[in-house]
């Protein structure tokens, strides 16, 4: 009879270990998905920021070029 008790305890332990391993794999997968989503969001924000900064730079550059052209004496 004690042998039966030991087997059930061993089975319970292996089941618990297997469930813990499955939980660890699930959590690692979930963290990978969240990390990927966060990276995509940050890339989109950075891209839109750079697009806005580039547009602002070109607007400033063209405005300053226009100012220099009007300051030149006419020939």
PDB file of N, CA and C in Angstrom:
ATOM      1  N   UNK A   1       0.797  -1.205   0.000  1.00  0.00           N
ATOM      2  CA  UNK A   1       0.000   0.000   0.000  1.00  0.00           C
ATOM      3  C   UNK A   1       0.848   1.283   0.000  1.00  0.00           C
ATOM      4  N   UNK A   2       1.902   1.358   0.777  1.00  0.00           N
ATOM      5  CA  UNK A   2       2.717   2.571   0.748  1.00  0.00           C
ATOM      6  C   UNK A   2       3.311   2.827  -0.632  1.00  0.00           C
ATOM      7  N   UNK A   3       3.588   1.760  -1.367  1.00  0.00           N
ATOM      8  CA  UNK A   3       4.127   1.919  -2.712  1.00  0.00           C
ATOM      9  C   UNK A   3       3.136   2.682  -3.591  1.00  0.00           C
ATOM     10  N   UNK A   4       1.880   2.362  -3.473  1.00  0.00           N
ATOM     11  CA  UNK A   4       0.841   3.061  -4.228  1.00  0.00           C
ATOM     12  C   UNK A   4       0.826   4.542  -3.865  1.00  0.00           C
ATOM     13  N   UNK A   5       0.979   4.857  -2.632  1.00  0.00           N
ATOM     14  CA  UNK A   5       0.999   6.243  -2.176  1.00  0.00           C
ATOM     15  C   UNK A   5       2.201   6.974  -2.774  1.00  0.00           C
ATOM     16  N   UNK A   6       3.364   6.327  -2.792  1.00  0.00           N
ATOM     17  CA  UNK A   6       4.565   6.936  -3.359  1.00  0.00           C
ATOM     18  C   UNK A   6       4.398   7.198  -4.851  1.00  0.00           C
ATOM     19  N   UNK A   7       3.789   6.268  -5.576  1.00  0.00           N
ATOM     20  CA  UNK A   7       3.568   6.453  -7.010  1.00  0.00           C
ATOM     21  C   UNK A   7       2.648   7.641  -7.266  1.00  0.00           C
ATOM     22  N   UNK A   8       1.602   7.772  -6.491  1.00  0.00           N
ATOM     23  CA  UNK A   8       0.665   8.876  -6.714  1.00  0.00           C
ATOM     24  C   UNK A   8       1.333  10.208  -6.390  1.00  0.00           C
ATOM     25  N   UNK A   9       2.189  10.211  -5.386  1.00  0.00           N
ATOM     26  CA  UNK A   9       2.895  11.442  -5.047  1.00  0.00           C
ATOM     27  C   UNK A   9       3.882  11.806  -6.157  1.00  0.00           C
ATOM     28  N   UNK A  10       4.557  10.804  -6.694  1.00  0.00           N
ATOM     29  CA  UNK A  10       5.493  11.046  -7.791  1.00  0.00           C
ATOM     30  C   UNK A  10       4.736  11.543  -9.019  1.00  0.00           C
ATOM     31  N   UNK A  11       3.585  10.940  -9.294  1.00  0.00           N
ATOM     32  CA  UNK A  11       2.763  11.375 -10.431  1.00  0.00           C
ATOM     33  C   UNK A  11       2.305  12.815 -10.218  1.00  0.00           C
ATOM     34  N   UNK A  12       1.898  13.136  -9.026  1.00  0.00           N
ATOM     35  CA  UNK A  12       1.456  14.492  -8.707  1.00  0.00           C
ATOM     36  C   UNK A  12       2.593  15.492  -8.895  1.00  0.00           C
ATOM     37  N   UNK A  13       3.779  15.105  -8.468  1.00  0.00           N
ATOM     38  CA  UNK A  13       4.943  15.978  -8.605  1.00  0.00           C
ATOM     39  C   UNK A  13       5.290  16.189 -10.069  1.00  0.00           C
ATOM     40  N   UNK A  14       5.253  15.120 -10.869  1.00  0.00           N
ATOM     41  CA  UNK A  14       5.587  15.264 -12.285  1.00  0.00           C
ATOM     42  C   UNK A  14       4.527  16.094 -13.010  1.00  0.00           C
ATOM     43  N   UNK A  15       3.273  15.941 -12.611  1.00  0.00           N
ATOM     44  CA  UNK A  15       2.198  16.745 -13.199  1.00  0.00           C
ATOM     45  C   UNK A  15       2.394  18.210 -12.843  1.00  0.00           C
ATOM     46  N   UNK A  16       2.746  18.464 -11.602  1.00  0.00           N
ATOM     47  CA  UNK A  16       2.976  19.836 -11.153  1.00  0.00           C
ATOM     48  C   UNK A  16       4.159  20.446 -11.901  1.00  0.00           C
ATOM     49  N   UNK A  17       5.228  19.679 -12.055  1.00  0.00           N
ATOM     50  CA  UNK A  17       6.412  20.140 -12.778  1.00  0.00           C
ATOM     51  C   UNK A  17       6.065  20.436 -14.232  1.00  0.00           C
ATOM     52  N   UNK A  18       5.312  19.554 -14.854  1.00  0.00           N
ATOM     53  CA  UNK A  18       4.920  19.747 -16.256  1.00  0.00           C
ATOM     54  C   UNK A  18       4.070  21.005 -16.397  1.00  0.00           C
ATOM     55  N   UNK A  19       3.150  21.217 -15.480  1.00  0.00           N
ATOM     56  CA  UNK A  19       2.300  22.418 -15.533  1.00  0.00           C
ATOM     57  C   UNK A  19       3.131  23.684 -15.338  1.00  0.00           C
ATOM     58  N   UNK A  20       4.115  23.622 -14.449  1.00  0.00           N
ATOM     59  CA  UNK A  20       4.977  24.786 -14.244  1.00  0.00           C
ATOM     60  C   UNK A  20       5.772  25.096 -15.509  1.00  0.00           C
ATOM     61  N   UNK A  21       6.266  24.060 -16.161  1.00  0.00           N
ATOM     62  CA  UNK A  21       7.006  24.262 -17.401  1.00  0.00           C
ATOM     63  C   UNK A  21       6.113  24.842 -18.492  1.00  0.00           C
ATOM     64  N   UNK A  22       4.884  24.355 -18.574  1.00  0.00           N
ATOM     65  CA  UNK A  22       3.940  24.897 -19.553  1.00  0.00           C
ATOM     66  C   UNK A  22       3.639  26.363 -19.251  1.00  0.00           C
ATOM     67  N   UNK A  23       3.455  26.672 -17.976  1.00  0.00           N
ATOM     68  CA  UNK A  23       3.204  28.065 -17.583  1.00  0.00           C
ATOM     69  C   UNK A  23       4.391  28.957 -17.939  1.00  0.00           C
ATOM     70  N   UNK A  24       5.595  28.456 -17.715  1.00  0.00           N
ATOM     71  CA  UNK A  24       6.787  29.234 -18.056  1.00  0.00           C
ATOM     72  C   UNK A  24       6.865  29.485 -19.557  1.00  0.00           C
ATOM     73  N   UNK A  25       6.557  28.466 -20.347  1.00  0.00           N
ATOM     74  CA  UNK A  25       6.570  28.646 -21.807  1.00  0.00           C
ATOM     75  C   UNK A  25       5.498  29.635 -22.247  1.00  0.00           C
ATOM     76  N   UNK A  26       4.314  29.523 -21.654  1.00  0.00           N
ATOM     77  CA  UNK A  26       3.235  30.462 -21.996  1.00  0.00           C
ATOM     78  C   UNK A  26       3.623  31.897 -21.644  1.00  0.00           C
ATOM     79  N   UNK A  27       4.209  32.082 -20.456  1.00  0.00           N
ATOM     80  CA  UNK A  27       4.597  33.426 -20.042  1.00  0.00           C
ATOM     81  C   UNK A  27       5.721  33.977 -20.926  1.00  0.00           C
ATOM     82  N   UNK A  28       6.663  33.134 -21.309  1.00  0.00           N
ATOM     83  CA  UNK A  28       7.735  33.587 -22.209  1.00  0.00           C
ATOM     84  C   UNK A  28       7.149  34.002 -23.560  1.00  0.00           C
ATOM     85  N   UNK A  29       6.194  33.234 -24.055  1.00  0.00           N
ATOM     86  CA  UNK A  29       5.539  33.559 -25.317  1.00  0.00           C
ATOM     87  C   UNK A  29       4.772  34.869 -25.190  1.00  0.00           C
ATOM     88  N   UNK A  30       4.068  35.042 -24.081  1.00  0.00           N
ATOM     89  CA  UNK A  30       3.297  36.270 -23.865  1.00  0.00           C
ATOM     90  C   UNK A  30       4.223  37.486 -23.771  1.00  0.00           C
ATOM     91  N   UNK A  31       5.350  37.333 -23.061  1.00  0.00           N
ATOM     92  CA  UNK A  31       6.303  38.441 -22.966  1.00  0.00           C
ATOM     93  C   UNK A  31       6.881  38.787 -24.339  1.00  0.00           C
ATOM     94  N   UNK A  32       7.127  37.780 -25.158  1.00  0.00           N
ATOM     95  CA  UNK A  32       7.651  38.025 -26.505  1.00  0.00           C
ATOM     96  C   UNK A  32       6.633  38.802 -27.342  1.00  0.00           C
ATOM     97  N   UNK A  33       5.372  38.434 -27.231  1.00  0.00           N
ATOM     98  CA  UNK A  33       4.321  39.145 -27.977  1.00  0.00           C
ATOM     99  C   UNK A  33       4.218  40.583 -27.489  1.00  0.00           C
ATOM    100  N   UNK A  34       4.213  40.785 -26.166  1.00  0.00           N
ATOM    101  CA  UNK A  34       4.117  42.138 -25.620  1.00  0.00           C
ATOM    102  C   UNK A  34       5.330  42.972 -26.015  1.00  0.00           C
ATOM    103  N   UNK A  35       6.502  42.377 -26.000  1.00  0.00           N
ATOM    104  CA  UNK A  35       7.720  43.080 -26.386  1.00  0.00           C
ATOM    105  C   UNK A  35       7.649  43.485 -27.854  1.00  0.00           C
ATOM    106  N   UNK A  36       7.189  42.574 -28.692  1.00  0.00           N
ATOM    107  CA  UNK A  36       7.063  42.868 -30.124  1.00  0.00           C
ATOM    108  C   UNK A  36       6.060  44.002 -30.350  1.00  0.00           C
ATOM    109  N   UNK A  37       4.934  43.952 -29.643  1.00  0.00           N
ATOM    110  CA  UNK A  37       3.920  44.999 -29.791  1.00  0.00           C
ATOM    111  C   UNK A  37       4.466  46.349 -29.339  1.00  0.00           C
ATOM    112  N   UNK A  38       5.176  46.361 -28.233  1.00  0.00           N
ATOM    113  CA  UNK A  38       5.754  47.604 -27.725  1.00  0.00           C
ATOM    114  C   UNK A  38       6.803  48.150 -28.702  1.00  0.00           C
ATOM    115  N   UNK A  39       7.608  47.273 -29.269  1.00  0.00           N
ATOM    116  CA  UNK A  39       8.624  47.696 -30.230  1.00  0.00           C
ATOM    117  C   UNK A  39       7.976  48.300 -31.467  1.00  0.00           C
ATOM    118  N   UNK A  40       6.911  47.673 -31.956  1.00  0.00           N
ATOM    119  CA  UNK A  40       6.197  48.216 -33.122  1.00  0.00           C
ATOM    120  C   UNK A  40       5.608  49.591 -32.820  1.00  0.00           C
ATOM    121  N   UNK A  41       5.011  49.729 -31.626  1.00  0.00           N
ATOM    122  CA  UNK A  41       4.415  51.013 -31.239  1.00  0.00           C
ATOM    123  C   UNK A  41       5.476  52.104 -31.165  1.00  0.00           C
ATOM    124  N   UNK A  42       6.616  51.791 -30.548  1.00  0.00           N
ATOM    125  CA  UNK A  42       7.691  52.772 -30.442  1.00  0.00           C
ATOM    126  C   UNK A  42       8.256  53.133 -31.817  1.00  0.00           C
ATOM    127  N   UNK A  43       8.382  52.140 -32.698  1.00  0.00           N
ATOM    128  CA  UNK A  43       8.861  52.420 -34.051  1.00  0.00           C
ATOM    129  C   UNK A  43       7.905  53.324 -34.807  1.00  0.00           C
ATOM    130  N   UNK A  44       6.594  53.114 -34.626  1.00  0.00           N
ATOM    131  CA  UNK A  44       5.614  53.971 -35.286  1.00  0.00           C
ATOM    132  C   UNK A  44       5.699  55.400 -34.756  1.00  0.00           C
ATOM    133  N   UNK A  45       5.842  55.535 -33.427  1.00  0.00           N
ATOM    134  CA  UNK A  45       5.956  56.871 -32.845  1.00  0.00           C
ATOM    135  C   UNK A  45       7.223  57.565 -33.343  1.00  0.00           C
ATOM    136  N   UNK A  46       8.324  56.833 -33.358  1.00  0.00           N
ATOM    137  CA  UNK A  46       9.585  57.407 -33.810  1.00  0.00           C
ATOM    138  C   UNK A  46       9.496  57.795 -35.285  1.00  0.00           C
ATOM    139  N   UNK A  47       8.887  56.951 -36.080  1.00  0.00           N
ATOM    140  CA  UNK A  47       8.748  57.227 -37.503  1.00  0.00           C
ATOM    141  C   UNK A  47       7.920  58.488 -37.734  1.00  0.00           C
ATOM    142  N   UNK A  48       6.801  58.604 -37.034  1.00  0.00           N
ATOM    143  CA  UNK A  48       5.961  59.792 -37.225  1.00  0.00           C
ATOM    144  C   UNK A  48       6.666  61.040 -36.699  1.00  0.00           C
ATOM    145  N   UNK A  49       7.444  60.902 -35.611  1.00  0.00           N
ATOM    146  CA  UNK A  49       8.210  62.035 -35.094  1.00  0.00           C
ATOM    147  C   UNK A  49       9.258  62.467 -36.113  1.00  0.00           C
ATOM    148  N   UNK A  50       9.984  61.492 -36.687  1.00  0.00           N
ATOM    149  CA  UNK A  50      11.012  61.823 -37.666  1.00  0.00           C
ATOM    150  C   UNK A  50      10.401  62.422 -38.930  1.00  0.00           C
ATOM    151  N   UNK A  51       9.244  61.911 -39.347  1.00  0.00           N
ATOM    152  CA  UNK A  51       8.564  62.487 -40.516  1.00  0.00           C
ATOM    153  C   UNK A  51       8.212  63.945 -40.253  1.00  0.00           C
ATOM    154  N   UNK A  52       7.691  64.221 -39.062  1.00  0.00           N
ATOM    155  CA  UNK A  52       7.346  65.600 -38.709  1.00  0.00           C
ATOM    156  C   UNK A  52       8.575  66.482 -38.613  1.00  0.00           C
ATOM    157  N   UNK A  53       9.651  65.974 -38.035  1.00  0.00           N
ATOM    158  CA  UNK A  53      10.887  66.738 -37.908  1.00  0.00           C
ATOM    159  C   UNK A  53      11.488  67.010 -39.285  1.00  0.00           C
ATOM    160  N   UNK A  54      11.443  66.027 -40.178  1.00  0.00           N
ATOM    161  CA  UNK A  54      11.974  66.198 -41.529  1.00  0.00           C
ATOM    162  C   UNK A  54      11.159  67.244 -42.285  1.00  0.00           C
ATOM    163  N   UNK A  55       9.848  67.164 -42.169  1.00  0.00           N
ATOM    164  CA  UNK A  55       8.985  68.143 -42.842  1.00  0.00           C
ATOM    165  C   UNK A  55       9.266  69.545 -42.305  1.00  0.00           C
ATOM    166  N   UNK A  56       9.419  69.660 -40.998  1.00  0.00           N
ATOM    167  CA  UNK A  56       9.709  70.959 -40.391  1.00  0.00           C
ATOM    168  C   UNK A  56      11.065  71.479 -40.877  1.00  0.00           C
ATOM    169  N   UNK A  57      12.053  70.589 -40.971  1.00  0.00           N
ATOM    170  CA  UNK A  57      13.375  70.977 -41.447  1.00  0.00           C
ATOM    171  C   UNK A  57      13.295  71.516 -42.870  1.00  0.00           C
ATOM    172  N   UNK A  58      12.576  70.807 -43.755  1.00  0.00           N
ATOM    173  CA  UNK A  58      12.496  71.249 -45.146  1.00  0.00           C
ATOM    174  C   UNK A  58      11.705  72.542 -45.278  1.00  0.00           C
ATOM    175  N   UNK A  59      10.685  72.713 -44.429  1.00  0.00           N
ATOM    176  CA  UNK A  59       9.936  73.979 -44.464  1.00  0.00           C
ATOM    177  C   UNK A  59      10.838  75.132 -44.030  1.00  0.00           C
ATOM    178  N   UNK A  60      11.625  74.892 -43.001  1.00  0.00           N
ATOM    179  CA  UNK A  60      12.541  75.936 -42.525  1.00  0.00           C
ATOM    180  C   UNK A  60      13.608  76.228 -43.568  1.00  0.00           C
ATOM    181  N   UNK A  61      14.119  75.189 -44.200  1.00  0.00           N
ATOM    182  CA  UNK A  61      15.160  75.365 -45.209  1.00  0.00           C
ATOM    183  C   UNK A  61      14.631  76.136 -46.414  1.00  0.00           C
ATOM    184  N   UNK A  62      13.432  75.806 -46.863  1.00  0.00           N
ATOM    185  CA  UNK A  62      12.891  76.501 -48.035  1.00  0.00           C
ATOM    186  C   UNK A  62      12.528  77.939 -47.678  1.00  0.00           C
ATOM    187  N   UNK A  63      12.092  78.190 -46.465  1.00  0.00           N
ATOM    188  CA  UNK A  63      11.779  79.558 -46.058  1.00  0.00           C
ATOM    189  C   UNK A  63      13.050  80.394 -45.983  1.00  0.00           C
ATOM    190  N   UNK A  64      14.133  79.810 -45.479  1.00  0.00           N
ATOM    191  CA  UNK A  64      15.376  80.574 -45.389  1.00  0.00           C
ATOM    192  C   UNK A  64      15.977  80.794 -46.780  1.00  0.00           C
ATOM    193  N   UNK A  65      15.821  79.856 -47.688  1.00  0.00           N
ATOM    194  CA  UNK A  65      16.300  80.038 -49.062  1.00  0.00           C
ATOM    195  C   UNK A  65      15.519  81.153 -49.745  1.00  0.00           C
ATOM    196  N   UNK A  66      14.231  81.180 -49.504  1.00  0.00           N
ATOM    197  CA  UNK A  66      13.406  82.233 -50.085  1.00  0.00           C
ATOM    198  C   UNK A  66      13.803  83.596 -49.561  1.00  0.00           C
ATOM    199  N   UNK A  67      14.172  83.661 -48.294  1.00  0.00           N
ATOM    200  CA  UNK A  67      14.607  84.916 -47.705  1.00  0.00           C
ATOM    201  C   UNK A  67      15.923  85.365 -48.297  1.00  0.00           C
ATOM    202  N   UNK A  68      16.839  84.456 -48.572  1.00  0.00           N
ATOM    203  CA  UNK A  68      18.111  84.823 -49.177  1.00  0.00           C
ATOM    204  C   UNK A  68      17.924  85.267 -50.617  1.00  0.00           C
ATOM    205  N   UNK A  69      17.006  84.657 -51.326  1.00  0.00           N
ATOM    206  CA  UNK A  69      16.796  85.029 -52.725  1.00  0.00           C
ATOM    207  C   UNK A  69      16.233  86.440 -52.823  1.00  0.00           C
ATOM    208  N   UNK A  70      15.333  86.799 -51.918  1.00  0.00           N
ATOM    209  CA  UNK A  70      14.758  88.132 -51.992  1.00  0.00           C
ATOM    210  C   UNK A  70      15.755  89.188 -51.532  1.00  0.00           C
ATOM    211  N   UNK A  71      16.758  88.814 -50.752  1.00  0.00           N
ATOM    212  CA  UNK A  71      17.755  89.764 -50.282  1.00  0.00           C
ATOM    213  C   UNK A  71      18.820  90.054 -51.339  1.00  0.00           C
ATOM    214  N   UNK A  72      18.887  89.244 -52.386  1.00  0.00           N
ATOM    215  CA  UNK A  72      19.891  89.469 -53.436  1.00  0.00           C
ATOM    216  C   UNK A  72      19.487  90.691 -54.277  1.00  0.00           C
ATOM    217  N   UNK A  73      20.465  91.432 -54.672  1.00  0.00           N
ATOM    218  CA  UNK A  73      20.124  92.567 -55.558  1.00  0.00           C
ATOM    219  C   UNK A  73      19.734  92.090 -56.958  1.00  0.00           C
ATOM    220  N   UNK A  74      18.824  92.782 -57.561  1.00  0.00           N
ATOM    221  CA  UNK A  74      18.362  92.416 -58.908  1.00  0.00           C
ATOM    222  C   UNK A  74      19.426  92.809 -59.918  1.00  0.00           C
ATOM    223  N   UNK A  75      19.601  92.015 -60.947  1.00  0.00           N
ATOM    224  CA  UNK A  75      20.591  92.328 -61.974  1.00  0.00           C
ATOM    225  C   UNK A  75      19.988  92.923 -63.168  1.00  0.00           C
TER     226      UNK A  75
END
